[in-house]
Amino acid sequence: MGNRADVTGSDVEVYRDAVSGTIRADTPTGAHETLLAVLDSLGLERRTVTTAGPEYVWHEVPEGLSEDEQKRLASRAIPTLLMAGYAANITTAAFDPDAYLEAANEVRAQHAVPDAPAVAPHAGTARPRHGR
């Protein structure tokens, strides 16, 4: 048993599982609890399987969502993960571009730096303008 994040070396790999049809978010084996908590907070449900070797942890979209709702939830998670500094990938089969752009704009607005006040240069340091 393995997962896509271990194979690619990324922090999160989001894709539609071929067997179950559900959208999954794989994290590397032994992923830090901080990353797992971010995925929890984004509405993805944590799943765990303990083996004789490592414990495998992944996230899935909640049961009962339509295919469009699944894609929307998964796509909205990506901007938050990227802004938090994680390397996150999502496959086309799990991606909703409108939901992604909406979430990216929301995240960008949350992290926006207020405009710096306009300050005129000190008279002694201003360079004269020359016409051409």
N, C-alpha and C. Protein backbone atom coordinates (compact mmCIF):
# COMPACT_ATOMS: atom_id res chain seq x y z
N MET A 1 0.85 -1.17 0.00
CA MET A 1 0.00 0.00 0.00
C MET A 1 0.90 1.23 0.00
N GLY A 2 0.58 2.20 -0.80
CA GLY A 2 1.32 3.45 -0.84
C GLY A 2 0.35 4.55 -1.17
N ASN A 3 0.89 5.74 -1.39
CA ASN A 3 0.00 6.81 -1.79
C ASN A 3 0.71 7.73 -2.76
N ARG A 4 -0.08 8.54 -3.43
CA ARG A 4 0.45 9.40 -4.48
C ARG A 4 1.41 10.46 -3.96
N ALA A 5 1.19 10.97 -2.77
CA ALA A 5 2.08 12.00 -2.24
C ALA A 5 3.48 11.43 -1.98
N ASP A 6 3.55 10.19 -1.54
CA ASP A 6 4.86 9.55 -1.36
C ASP A 6 5.58 9.41 -2.70
N VAL A 7 4.83 9.06 -3.74
CA VAL A 7 5.41 8.85 -5.06
C VAL A 7 5.89 10.15 -5.68
N THR A 8 5.07 11.22 -5.58
CA THR A 8 5.41 12.49 -6.23
C THR A 8 6.32 13.38 -5.39
N GLY A 9 6.34 13.16 -4.09
CA GLY A 9 7.14 14.01 -3.21
C GLY A 9 6.44 15.30 -2.84
N SER A 10 5.17 15.43 -3.16
CA SER A 10 4.42 16.64 -2.81
C SER A 10 3.82 16.49 -1.41
N ASP A 11 3.24 17.57 -0.92
CA ASP A 11 2.58 17.53 0.39
C ASP A 11 1.15 16.99 0.29
N VAL A 12 0.47 17.30 -0.82
CA VAL A 12 -0.91 16.86 -1.00
C VAL A 12 -1.15 16.55 -2.48
N GLU A 13 -1.73 15.40 -2.75
CA GLU A 13 -2.15 15.01 -4.09
C GLU A 13 -3.65 14.76 -4.05
N VAL A 14 -4.41 15.56 -4.80
CA VAL A 14 -5.86 15.44 -4.82
C VAL A 14 -6.27 14.80 -6.15
N TYR A 15 -7.10 13.76 -6.09
CA TYR A 15 -7.49 13.03 -7.28
C TYR A 15 -8.78 12.26 -7.03
N ARG A 16 -9.42 11.82 -8.10
CA ARG A 16 -10.60 10.96 -7.99
C ARG A 16 -10.13 9.51 -7.98
N ASP A 17 -10.47 8.79 -6.92
CA ASP A 17 -10.08 7.38 -6.79
C ASP A 17 -10.83 6.54 -7.81
N ALA A 18 -10.11 5.75 -8.58
CA ALA A 18 -10.70 4.96 -9.65
C ALA A 18 -11.64 3.87 -9.13
N VAL A 19 -11.37 3.35 -7.95
CA VAL A 19 -12.19 2.26 -7.42
C VAL A 19 -13.48 2.80 -6.78
N SER A 20 -13.35 3.74 -5.87
CA SER A 20 -14.52 4.23 -5.12
C SER A 20 -15.23 5.39 -5.83
N GLY A 21 -14.52 6.11 -6.71
CA GLY A 21 -15.10 7.27 -7.37
C GLY A 21 -15.08 8.52 -6.52
N THR A 22 -14.59 8.40 -5.31
CA THR A 22 -14.53 9.53 -4.39
C THR A 22 -13.26 10.34 -4.60
N ILE A 23 -13.31 11.61 -4.28
CA ILE A 23 -12.11 12.44 -4.37
C ILE A 23 -11.33 12.30 -3.08
N ARG A 24 -10.04 12.01 -3.25
CA ARG A 24 -9.13 11.80 -2.12
C ARG A 24 -8.04 12.84 -2.12
N ALA A 25 -7.49 13.09 -0.95
CA ALA A 25 -6.32 13.95 -0.80
C ALA A 25 -5.28 13.13 -0.03
N ASP A 26 -4.24 12.70 -0.74
CA ASP A 26 -3.17 11.92 -0.12
C ASP A 26 -2.10 12.85 0.41
N THR A 27 -1.58 12.52 1.58
CA THR A 27 -0.44 13.22 2.18
C THR A 27 0.67 12.19 2.37
N PRO A 28 1.91 12.64 2.47
CA PRO A 28 3.00 11.67 2.63
C PRO A 28 2.87 10.85 3.91
N THR A 29 3.38 9.65 3.87
CA THR A 29 3.42 8.82 5.07
C THR A 29 4.14 9.59 6.16
N GLY A 30 3.52 9.67 7.33
CA GLY A 30 4.12 10.39 8.46
C GLY A 30 3.94 11.91 8.37
N ALA A 31 2.97 12.37 7.58
CA ALA A 31 2.73 13.81 7.45
C ALA A 31 2.49 14.44 8.81
N HIS A 32 2.96 15.67 8.97
CA HIS A 32 2.83 16.40 10.23
C HIS A 32 1.36 16.68 10.53
N GLU A 33 1.02 16.66 11.79
CA GLU A 33 -0.37 16.90 12.22
C GLU A 33 -0.87 18.27 11.76
N THR A 34 0.00 19.24 11.62
CA THR A 34 -0.43 20.57 11.17
C THR A 34 -1.07 20.49 9.79
N LEU A 35 -0.44 19.77 8.86
CA LEU A 35 -0.99 19.61 7.52
C LEU A 35 -2.32 18.86 7.58
N LEU A 36 -2.37 17.79 8.35
CA LEU A 36 -3.60 17.01 8.46
C LEU A 36 -4.73 17.85 9.04
N ALA A 37 -4.42 18.71 10.00
CA ALA A 37 -5.43 19.58 10.60
C ALA A 37 -5.94 20.62 9.60
N VAL A 38 -5.07 21.11 8.72
CA VAL A 38 -5.50 22.05 7.68
C VAL A 38 -6.52 21.36 6.78
N LEU A 39 -6.22 20.14 6.36
CA LEU A 39 -7.15 19.40 5.51
C LEU A 39 -8.48 19.15 6.23
N ASP A 40 -8.41 18.83 7.52
CA ASP A 40 -9.63 18.66 8.32
C ASP A 40 -10.45 19.95 8.29
N SER A 41 -9.78 21.08 8.48
CA SER A 41 -10.48 22.37 8.56
C SER A 41 -11.10 22.79 7.23
N LEU A 42 -10.64 22.22 6.14
CA LEU A 42 -11.15 22.56 4.81
C LEU A 42 -12.36 21.70 4.42
N GLY A 43 -12.82 20.86 5.35
CA GLY A 43 -14.02 20.06 5.10
C GLY A 43 -13.76 18.67 4.58
N LEU A 44 -12.49 18.28 4.47
CA LEU A 44 -12.16 16.92 4.05
C LEU A 44 -12.13 16.02 5.27
N GLU A 45 -12.56 14.79 5.11
CA GLU A 45 -12.64 13.86 6.23
C GLU A 45 -11.42 12.95 6.27
N ARG A 46 -10.82 12.86 7.45
CA ARG A 46 -9.61 12.06 7.64
C ARG A 46 -9.94 10.58 7.73
N ARG A 47 -9.14 9.78 7.05
CA ARG A 47 -9.25 8.32 7.09
C ARG A 47 -7.88 7.77 7.47
N THR A 48 -7.87 6.65 8.21
CA THR A 48 -6.62 6.06 8.67
C THR A 48 -6.68 4.55 8.55
N VAL A 49 -5.57 3.96 8.10
CA VAL A 49 -5.41 2.51 8.09
C VAL A 49 -4.07 2.22 8.74
N THR A 50 -4.11 1.38 9.77
CA THR A 50 -2.88 0.98 10.44
C THR A 50 -2.48 -0.39 9.93
N THR A 51 -1.23 -0.49 9.52
CA THR A 51 -0.71 -1.77 9.01
C THR A 51 0.40 -2.24 9.95
N ALA A 52 0.98 -3.38 9.64
CA ALA A 52 2.12 -3.87 10.41
C ALA A 52 3.30 -2.91 10.26
N GLY A 53 3.30 -2.15 9.17
CA GLY A 53 4.33 -1.15 8.94
C GLY A 53 3.80 0.23 9.31
N PRO A 54 3.79 1.13 8.36
CA PRO A 54 3.35 2.49 8.68
C PRO A 54 1.83 2.62 8.81
N GLU A 55 1.41 3.73 9.40
CA GLU A 55 0.00 4.10 9.43
C GLU A 55 -0.25 4.99 8.24
N TYR A 56 -1.25 4.67 7.44
CA TYR A 56 -1.58 5.46 6.26
C TYR A 56 -2.74 6.40 6.60
N VAL A 57 -2.58 7.65 6.25
CA VAL A 57 -3.60 8.66 6.51
C VAL A 57 -3.89 9.37 5.20
N TRP A 58 -5.15 9.58 4.92
CA TRP A 58 -5.57 10.35 3.75
C TRP A 58 -6.87 11.04 4.10
N HIS A 59 -7.31 11.91 3.23
CA HIS A 59 -8.58 12.61 3.41
C HIS A 59 -9.47 12.35 2.20
N GLU A 60 -10.77 12.41 2.44
CA GLU A 60 -11.76 12.26 1.37
C GLU A 60 -12.82 13.34 1.51
N VAL A 61 -13.48 13.64 0.39
CA VAL A 61 -14.64 14.52 0.48
C VAL A 61 -15.72 13.77 1.24
N PRO A 62 -16.59 14.47 1.94
CA PRO A 62 -17.65 13.79 2.70
C PRO A 62 -18.59 12.99 1.79
N GLU A 63 -19.12 11.91 2.32
CA GLU A 63 -20.08 11.09 1.58
C GLU A 63 -21.35 11.89 1.34
N GLY A 64 -22.05 11.53 0.27
CA GLY A 64 -23.33 12.15 -0.01
C GLY A 64 -23.27 13.40 -0.88
N LEU A 65 -22.06 13.84 -1.23
CA LEU A 65 -21.94 15.00 -2.11
C LEU A 65 -22.05 14.56 -3.56
N SER A 66 -22.65 15.41 -4.37
CA SER A 66 -22.69 15.12 -5.80
C SER A 66 -21.28 15.23 -6.36
N GLU A 67 -21.10 14.77 -7.59
CA GLU A 67 -19.78 14.87 -8.23
C GLU A 67 -19.32 16.33 -8.32
N ASP A 68 -20.23 17.22 -8.68
CA ASP A 68 -19.89 18.65 -8.77
C ASP A 68 -19.52 19.23 -7.41
N GLU A 69 -20.26 18.86 -6.37
CA GLU A 69 -19.96 19.34 -5.02
C GLU A 69 -18.60 18.80 -4.54
N GLN A 70 -18.29 17.56 -4.88
CA GLN A 70 -16.99 16.99 -4.52
C GLN A 70 -15.87 17.80 -5.16
N LYS A 71 -16.00 18.06 -6.46
CA LYS A 71 -14.96 18.81 -7.19
C LYS A 71 -14.84 20.22 -6.62
N ARG A 72 -15.95 20.82 -6.29
CA ARG A 72 -15.94 22.18 -5.75
C ARG A 72 -15.19 22.23 -4.41
N LEU A 73 -15.51 21.30 -3.52
CA LEU A 73 -14.85 21.28 -2.21
C LEU A 73 -13.35 21.05 -2.37
N ALA A 74 -12.98 20.08 -3.19
CA ALA A 74 -11.56 19.76 -3.38
C ALA A 74 -10.81 20.93 -4.01
N SER A 75 -11.41 21.56 -4.99
CA SER A 75 -10.75 22.68 -5.70
C SER A 75 -10.60 23.89 -4.79
N ARG A 76 -11.57 24.12 -3.93
CA ARG A 76 -11.50 25.27 -3.01
C ARG A 76 -10.40 25.08 -1.96
N ALA A 77 -9.98 23.85 -1.71
CA ALA A 77 -8.94 23.60 -0.71
C ALA A 77 -7.55 24.00 -1.21
N ILE A 78 -7.32 23.94 -2.50
CA ILE A 78 -5.98 24.13 -3.05
C ILE A 78 -5.39 25.51 -2.75
N PRO A 79 -6.09 26.63 -2.97
CA PRO A 79 -5.47 27.93 -2.68
C PRO A 79 -5.04 28.08 -1.21
N THR A 80 -5.84 27.57 -0.29
CA THR A 80 -5.46 27.65 1.12
C THR A 80 -4.19 26.86 1.39
N LEU A 81 -4.10 25.67 0.81
CA LEU A 81 -2.90 24.85 0.99
C LEU A 81 -1.67 25.54 0.40
N LEU A 82 -1.82 26.12 -0.78
CA LEU A 82 -0.69 26.80 -1.43
C LEU A 82 -0.25 28.02 -0.62
N MET A 83 -1.21 28.80 -0.14
CA MET A 83 -0.86 29.99 0.66
C MET A 83 -0.21 29.60 1.99
N ALA A 84 -0.53 28.41 2.49
CA ALA A 84 0.09 27.93 3.73
C ALA A 84 1.49 27.37 3.48
N GLY A 85 1.91 27.33 2.21
CA GLY A 85 3.26 26.89 1.88
C GLY A 85 3.39 25.43 1.51
N TYR A 86 2.27 24.76 1.31
CA TYR A 86 2.32 23.34 0.95
C TYR A 86 2.35 23.17 -0.57
N ALA A 87 3.03 22.14 -1.02
CA ALA A 87 3.03 21.76 -2.43
C ALA A 87 1.82 20.87 -2.64
N ALA A 88 0.82 21.38 -3.38
CA ALA A 88 -0.42 20.66 -3.57
C ALA A 88 -0.75 20.57 -5.05
N ASN A 89 -1.17 19.39 -5.48
CA ASN A 89 -1.56 19.15 -6.87
C ASN A 89 -2.97 18.58 -6.91
N ILE A 90 -3.67 18.87 -8.00
CA ILE A 90 -5.02 18.33 -8.18
C ILE A 90 -5.17 17.90 -9.63
N THR A 91 -5.76 16.73 -9.83
CA THR A 91 -5.95 16.23 -11.20
C THR A 91 -7.17 16.91 -11.83
N THR A 92 -7.21 16.85 -13.14
CA THR A 92 -8.32 17.43 -13.89
C THR A 92 -9.65 16.81 -13.48
N ALA A 93 -9.67 15.52 -13.20
CA ALA A 93 -10.91 14.83 -12.84
C ALA A 93 -11.48 15.30 -11.51
N ALA A 94 -10.68 15.97 -10.69
CA ALA A 94 -11.14 16.45 -9.39
C ALA A 94 -11.24 17.97 -9.33
N PHE A 95 -11.00 18.64 -10.45
CA PHE A 95 -10.83 20.10 -10.47
C PHE A 95 -12.05 20.84 -11.00
N ASP A 96 -12.43 21.91 -10.30
CA ASP A 96 -13.47 22.84 -10.74
C ASP A 96 -12.82 24.21 -10.82
N PRO A 97 -12.52 24.71 -12.03
CA PRO A 97 -11.79 25.97 -12.16
C PRO A 97 -12.51 27.17 -11.55
N ASP A 98 -13.83 27.22 -11.64
CA ASP A 98 -14.57 28.35 -11.06
C ASP A 98 -14.45 28.36 -9.53
N ALA A 99 -14.57 27.19 -8.91
CA ALA A 99 -14.44 27.09 -7.46
C ALA A 99 -13.03 27.45 -7.02
N TYR A 100 -12.04 27.02 -7.80
CA TYR A 100 -10.64 27.34 -7.48
C TYR A 100 -10.42 28.87 -7.52
N LEU A 101 -10.88 29.51 -8.59
CA LEU A 101 -10.69 30.96 -8.72
C LEU A 101 -11.42 31.72 -7.63
N GLU A 102 -12.62 31.28 -7.29
CA GLU A 102 -13.37 31.92 -6.21
C GLU A 102 -12.60 31.83 -4.89
N ALA A 103 -12.10 30.65 -4.58
CA ALA A 103 -11.35 30.45 -3.34
C ALA A 103 -10.03 31.21 -3.37
N ALA A 104 -9.36 31.23 -4.53
CA ALA A 104 -8.10 31.97 -4.64
C ALA A 104 -8.32 33.46 -4.38
N ASN A 105 -9.39 34.01 -4.91
CA ASN A 105 -9.70 35.42 -4.67
C ASN A 105 -10.00 35.69 -3.20
N GLU A 106 -10.71 34.77 -2.55
CA GLU A 106 -10.99 34.92 -1.12
C GLU A 106 -9.71 34.86 -0.30
N VAL A 107 -8.84 33.91 -0.61
CA VAL A 107 -7.58 33.78 0.13
C VAL A 107 -6.71 35.00 -0.10
N ARG A 108 -6.65 35.46 -1.34
CA ARG A 108 -5.86 36.65 -1.68
C ARG A 108 -6.37 37.87 -0.90
N ALA A 109 -7.69 38.02 -0.80
CA ALA A 109 -8.27 39.15 -0.07
C ALA A 109 -7.94 39.07 1.42
N GLN A 110 -7.92 37.85 1.97
CA GLN A 110 -7.59 37.67 3.39
C GLN A 110 -6.14 38.02 3.69
N HIS A 111 -5.26 37.83 2.71
CA HIS A 111 -3.84 38.07 2.91
C HIS A 111 -3.36 39.38 2.30
N ALA A 112 -4.29 40.20 1.85
CA ALA A 112 -3.91 41.45 1.20
C ALA A 112 -3.27 42.40 2.21
N VAL A 113 -2.23 43.07 1.75
CA VAL A 113 -1.56 44.06 2.57
C VAL A 113 -2.19 45.41 2.23
N PRO A 114 -2.58 46.17 3.24
CA PRO A 114 -3.16 47.47 2.93
C PRO A 114 -2.18 48.32 2.14
N ASP A 115 -2.72 49.15 1.26
CA ASP A 115 -1.87 50.03 0.45
C ASP A 115 -1.05 50.91 1.37
N ALA A 116 0.23 51.08 1.00
CA ALA A 116 1.11 51.96 1.76
C ALA A 116 0.66 53.40 1.51
N PRO A 117 0.75 54.24 2.53
CA PRO A 117 0.36 55.63 2.33
C PRO A 117 1.28 56.30 1.32
N ALA A 118 0.69 57.14 0.50
CA ALA A 118 1.49 57.86 -0.50
C ALA A 118 2.29 58.94 0.22
N VAL A 119 3.59 58.90 0.06
CA VAL A 119 4.47 59.87 0.71
C VAL A 119 5.29 60.56 -0.37
N ALA A 120 5.25 61.87 -0.35
CA ALA A 120 6.05 62.64 -1.31
C ALA A 120 7.50 62.57 -0.91
N PRO A 121 8.42 62.49 -1.87
CA PRO A 121 9.84 62.48 -1.52
C PRO A 121 10.23 63.79 -0.87
N HIS A 122 11.20 63.71 0.01
CA HIS A 122 11.73 64.90 0.67
C HIS A 122 12.28 65.84 -0.39
N ALA A 123 12.03 67.12 -0.23
CA ALA A 123 12.43 68.12 -1.25
C ALA A 123 13.91 68.05 -1.58
N GLY A 124 14.75 67.72 -0.61
CA GLY A 124 16.19 67.67 -0.85
C GLY A 124 16.62 66.44 -1.64
N THR A 125 15.78 65.43 -1.72
CA THR A 125 16.18 64.21 -2.42
C THR A 125 15.44 64.00 -3.74
N ALA A 126 14.45 64.84 -3.99
CA ALA A 126 13.70 64.67 -5.24
C ALA A 126 14.59 64.99 -6.42
N ARG A 127 14.52 64.17 -7.45
CA ARG A 127 15.30 64.38 -8.66
C ARG A 127 14.49 65.24 -9.63
N PRO A 128 15.12 66.22 -10.23
CA PRO A 128 14.37 67.03 -11.18
C PRO A 128 13.99 66.23 -12.41
N ARG A 129 12.83 66.54 -12.96
CA ARG A 129 12.37 65.87 -14.18
C ARG A 129 12.83 66.67 -15.38
N HIS A 130 13.34 65.99 -16.35
CA HIS A 130 13.77 66.62 -17.58
C HIS A 130 12.86 66.24 -18.71
N GLY A 131 12.46 67.19 -19.51
CA GLY A 131 11.63 66.90 -20.66
C GLY A 131 12.46 66.28 -21.77
N ARG A 132 11.83 65.58 -22.66
CA ARG A 132 12.56 64.93 -23.75
C ARG A 132 12.58 65.77 -24.94
